[in-house]
Amino acid sequence: MEKQKLPNATAVLVLGILSIIGCCFYAVGIVFSIVALVMAKKDMALYAINPDAYDNYGNLKTGRLLAIIGLILNIISIITAIAFIAFFGWAVLQDPVLMQEKMRELQGM
């Protein structure tokens, strides 16, 4: 009997990679990581029923791990953005001149 591939393993791997890349773009990757984790959960349940029937479980595990790492990086990115807004204020973050003045004040301390 020929082994078949898990239906979403490649998609989970791609979404896991995109979730890590997406953390650099205002935490857009959080969507990719959540979708990847949901898809991975479905395929893992399918694999648990009959492990001998599938051969690309390694891709699924790798994609799931990347999605978890991407989720953590995206959460850190969101927390950092909130901390910057709380510390500097929204007006300072939107004006580069005010931001430079604020940074000079902090260096002078």
C-alpha atoms as a PDB file:
ATOM      1  CA  MET A   1       0.000   0.000   0.000  1.00  0.00           C
ATOM      2  CA  GLU A   2       1.329   3.391  -0.994  1.00  0.00           C
ATOM      3  CA  LYS A   3       1.510   6.038   1.699  1.00  0.00           C
ATOM      4  CA  GLN A   4      -0.396   9.220   1.053  1.00  0.00           C
ATOM      5  CA  LYS A   5       0.452  12.738   2.084  1.00  0.00           C
ATOM      6  CA  LEU A   6      -1.334  14.664   4.823  1.00  0.00           C
ATOM      7  CA  PRO A   7      -3.639  17.145   3.091  1.00  0.00           C
ATOM      8  CA  ASN A   8      -2.498  20.333   4.848  1.00  0.00           C
ATOM      9  CA  ALA A   9       1.122  19.595   5.783  1.00  0.00           C
ATOM     10  CA  THR A  10       2.649  21.755   3.054  1.00  0.00           C
ATOM     11  CA  ALA A  11       0.196  24.590   3.706  1.00  0.00           C
ATOM     12  CA  VAL A  12       1.017  24.482   7.427  1.00  0.00           C
ATOM     13  CA  LEU A  13       4.717  24.659   6.612  1.00  0.00           C
ATOM     14  CA  VAL A  14       4.253  27.656   4.300  1.00  0.00           C
ATOM     15  CA  LEU A  15       1.980  29.447   6.786  1.00  0.00           C
ATOM     16  CA  GLY A  16       4.482  28.782   9.574  1.00  0.00           C
ATOM     17  CA  ILE A  17       7.214  30.448   7.541  1.00  0.00           C
ATOM     18  CA  LEU A  18       4.931  33.369   6.662  1.00  0.00           C
ATOM     19  CA  SER A  19       4.015  33.833  10.331  1.00  0.00           C
ATOM     20  CA  ILE A  20       7.656  34.398  11.215  1.00  0.00           C
ATOM     21  CA  ILE A  21       8.153  36.797   8.313  1.00  0.00           C
ATOM     22  CA  GLY A  22       4.863  38.553   9.130  1.00  0.00           C
ATOM     23  CA  CYS A  23       5.961  39.576  12.615  1.00  0.00           C
ATOM     24  CA  CYS A  24       8.089  42.271  10.982  1.00  0.00           C
ATOM     25  CA  PHE A  25       5.004  43.845   9.392  1.00  0.00           C
ATOM     26  CA  TYR A  26       2.972  45.105  12.355  1.00  0.00           C
ATOM     27  CA  ALA A  27       2.160  41.604  13.585  1.00  0.00           C
ATOM     28  CA  VAL A  28       0.312  40.522  10.435  1.00  0.00           C
ATOM     29  CA  GLY A  29       1.814  37.080  10.941  1.00  0.00           C
ATOM     30  CA  ILE A  30      -0.461  36.346  13.879  1.00  0.00           C
ATOM     31  CA  VAL A  31      -3.214  35.482  11.398  1.00  0.00           C
ATOM     32  CA  PHE A  32      -0.906  33.104   9.532  1.00  0.00           C
ATOM     33  CA  SER A  33       0.205  31.396  12.728  1.00  0.00           C
ATOM     34  CA  ILE A  34      -3.322  30.878  14.042  1.00  0.00           C
ATOM     35  CA  VAL A  35      -4.515  29.451  10.716  1.00  0.00           C
ATOM     36  CA  ALA A  36      -1.460  27.178  10.568  1.00  0.00           C
ATOM     37  CA  LEU A  37      -2.060  25.897  14.096  1.00  0.00           C
ATOM     38  CA  VAL A  38      -5.716  25.120  13.372  1.00  0.00           C
ATOM     39  CA  MET A  39      -4.813  23.285  10.176  1.00  0.00           C
ATOM     40  CA  ALA A  40      -2.014  21.410  11.961  1.00  0.00           C
ATOM     41  CA  LYS A  41      -4.393  20.284  14.690  1.00  0.00           C
ATOM     42  CA  LYS A  42      -6.749  18.793  12.089  1.00  0.00           C
ATOM     43  CA  ASP A  43      -3.949  16.949  10.309  1.00  0.00           C
ATOM     44  CA  MET A  44      -2.437  15.714  13.568  1.00  0.00           C
ATOM     45  CA  ALA A  45      -5.807  14.218  14.503  1.00  0.00           C
ATOM     46  CA  LEU A  46      -5.948  12.558  11.077  1.00  0.00           C
ATOM     47  CA  TYR A  47      -2.419  11.212  11.529  1.00  0.00           C
ATOM     48  CA  ALA A  48      -3.211   9.901  15.019  1.00  0.00           C
ATOM     49  CA  ILE A  49      -5.992   7.708  13.628  1.00  0.00           C
ATOM     50  CA  ASN A  50      -3.700   5.883  11.163  1.00  0.00           C
ATOM     51  CA  PRO A  51      -0.009   6.859  11.383  1.00  0.00           C
ATOM     52  CA  ASP A  52       1.140   4.198   8.924  1.00  0.00           C
ATOM     53  CA  ALA A  53      -0.906   5.688   6.082  1.00  0.00           C
ATOM     54  CA  TYR A  54       0.933   9.040   5.879  1.00  0.00           C
ATOM     55  CA  ASP A  55       4.513   9.928   5.110  1.00  0.00           C
ATOM     56  CA  ASN A  56       4.916  13.716   5.425  1.00  0.00           C
ATOM     57  CA  TYR A  57       4.346  14.084   9.152  1.00  0.00           C
ATOM     58  CA  GLY A  58       7.774  15.757   9.468  1.00  0.00           C
ATOM     59  CA  ASN A  59       6.602  18.699   7.366  1.00  0.00           C
ATOM     60  CA  LEU A  60       3.547  19.033   9.583  1.00  0.00           C
ATOM     61  CA  LYS A  61       5.613  19.030  12.778  1.00  0.00           C
ATOM     62  CA  THR A  62       8.069  21.560  11.338  1.00  0.00           C
ATOM     63  CA  GLY A  63       5.267  23.856  10.153  1.00  0.00           C
ATOM     64  CA  ARG A  64       3.550  23.638  13.539  1.00  0.00           C
ATOM     65  CA  LEU A  65       6.793  24.511  15.328  1.00  0.00           C
ATOM     66  CA  LEU A  66       7.355  27.477  13.003  1.00  0.00           C
ATOM     67  CA  ALA A  67       3.771  28.624  13.604  1.00  0.00           C
ATOM     68  CA  ILE A  68       4.301  28.501  17.375  1.00  0.00           C
ATOM     69  CA  ILE A  69       7.542  30.479  17.052  1.00  0.00           C
ATOM     70  CA  GLY A  70       5.788  32.956  14.752  1.00  0.00           C
ATOM     71  CA  LEU A  71       2.938  33.353  17.234  1.00  0.00           C
ATOM     72  CA  ILE A  72       5.373  34.085  20.052  1.00  0.00           C
ATOM     73  CA  LEU A  73       7.296  36.606  17.919  1.00  0.00           C
ATOM     74  CA  ASN A  74       4.053  38.314  16.899  1.00  0.00           C
ATOM     75  CA  ILE A  75       2.905  38.583  20.510  1.00  0.00           C
ATOM     76  CA  ILE A  76       6.272  40.092  21.455  1.00  0.00           C
ATOM     77  CA  SER A  77       5.919  42.528  18.542  1.00  0.00           C
ATOM     78  CA  ILE A  78       2.464  43.609  19.716  1.00  0.00           C
ATOM     79  CA  ILE A  79       3.637  44.047  23.313  1.00  0.00           C
ATOM     80  CA  THR A  80       6.615  46.113  22.113  1.00  0.00           C
ATOM     81  CA  ALA A  81       4.371  48.357  20.018  1.00  0.00           C
ATOM     82  CA  ILE A  82       2.027  48.894  22.967  1.00  0.00           C
ATOM     83  CA  ALA A  83       4.989  49.684  25.229  1.00  0.00           C
ATOM     84  CA  PHE A  84       6.346  52.253  22.747  1.00  0.00           C
ATOM     85  CA  ILE A  85       2.950  53.912  22.447  1.00  0.00           C
ATOM     86  CA  ALA A  86       2.566  53.987  26.233  1.00  0.00           C
ATOM     87  CA  PHE A  87       6.075  55.356  26.801  1.00  0.00           C
ATOM     88  CA  PHE A  88       6.417  57.885  23.979  1.00  0.00           C
ATOM     89  CA  GLY A  89       2.819  58.635  23.079  1.00  0.00           C
ATOM     90  CA  TRP A  90       1.075  58.342  19.750  1.00  0.00           C
ATOM     91  CA  ALA A  91       1.879  61.901  18.601  1.00  0.00           C
ATOM     92  CA  VAL A  92       5.615  61.426  19.167  1.00  0.00           C
ATOM     93  CA  LEU A  93       5.654  58.177  17.208  1.00  0.00           C
ATOM     94  CA  GLN A  94       4.004  59.823  14.208  1.00  0.00           C
ATOM     95  CA  ASP A  95       6.342  62.833  14.073  1.00  0.00           C
ATOM     96  CA  PRO A  96      10.021  62.011  13.385  1.00  0.00           C
ATOM     97  CA  VAL A  97      11.218  65.391  14.661  1.00  0.00           C
ATOM     98  CA  LEU A  98       9.487  64.954  18.006  1.00  0.00           C
ATOM     99  CA  MET A  99      10.837  61.426  18.206  1.00  0.00           C
ATOM    100  CA  GLN A 100      14.412  62.660  17.712  1.00  0.00           C
ATOM    101  CA  GLU A 101      13.925  65.290  20.429  1.00  0.00           C
ATOM    102  CA  LYS A 102      12.548  62.663  22.815  1.00  0.00           C
ATOM    103  CA  MET A 103      15.494  60.368  22.082  1.00  0.00           C
ATOM    104  CA  ARG A 104      17.967  63.215  22.734  1.00  0.00           C
ATOM    105  CA  GLU A 105      16.244  63.887  26.056  1.00  0.00           C
ATOM    106  CA  LEU A 106      16.624  60.243  27.012  1.00  0.00           C
ATOM    107  CA  GLN A 107      20.311  60.228  26.061  1.00  0.00           C
ATOM    108  CA  GLY A 108      20.932  63.311  28.171  1.00  0.00           C
ATOM    109  CA  MET A 109      19.649  61.603  31.316  1.00  0.00           C
END
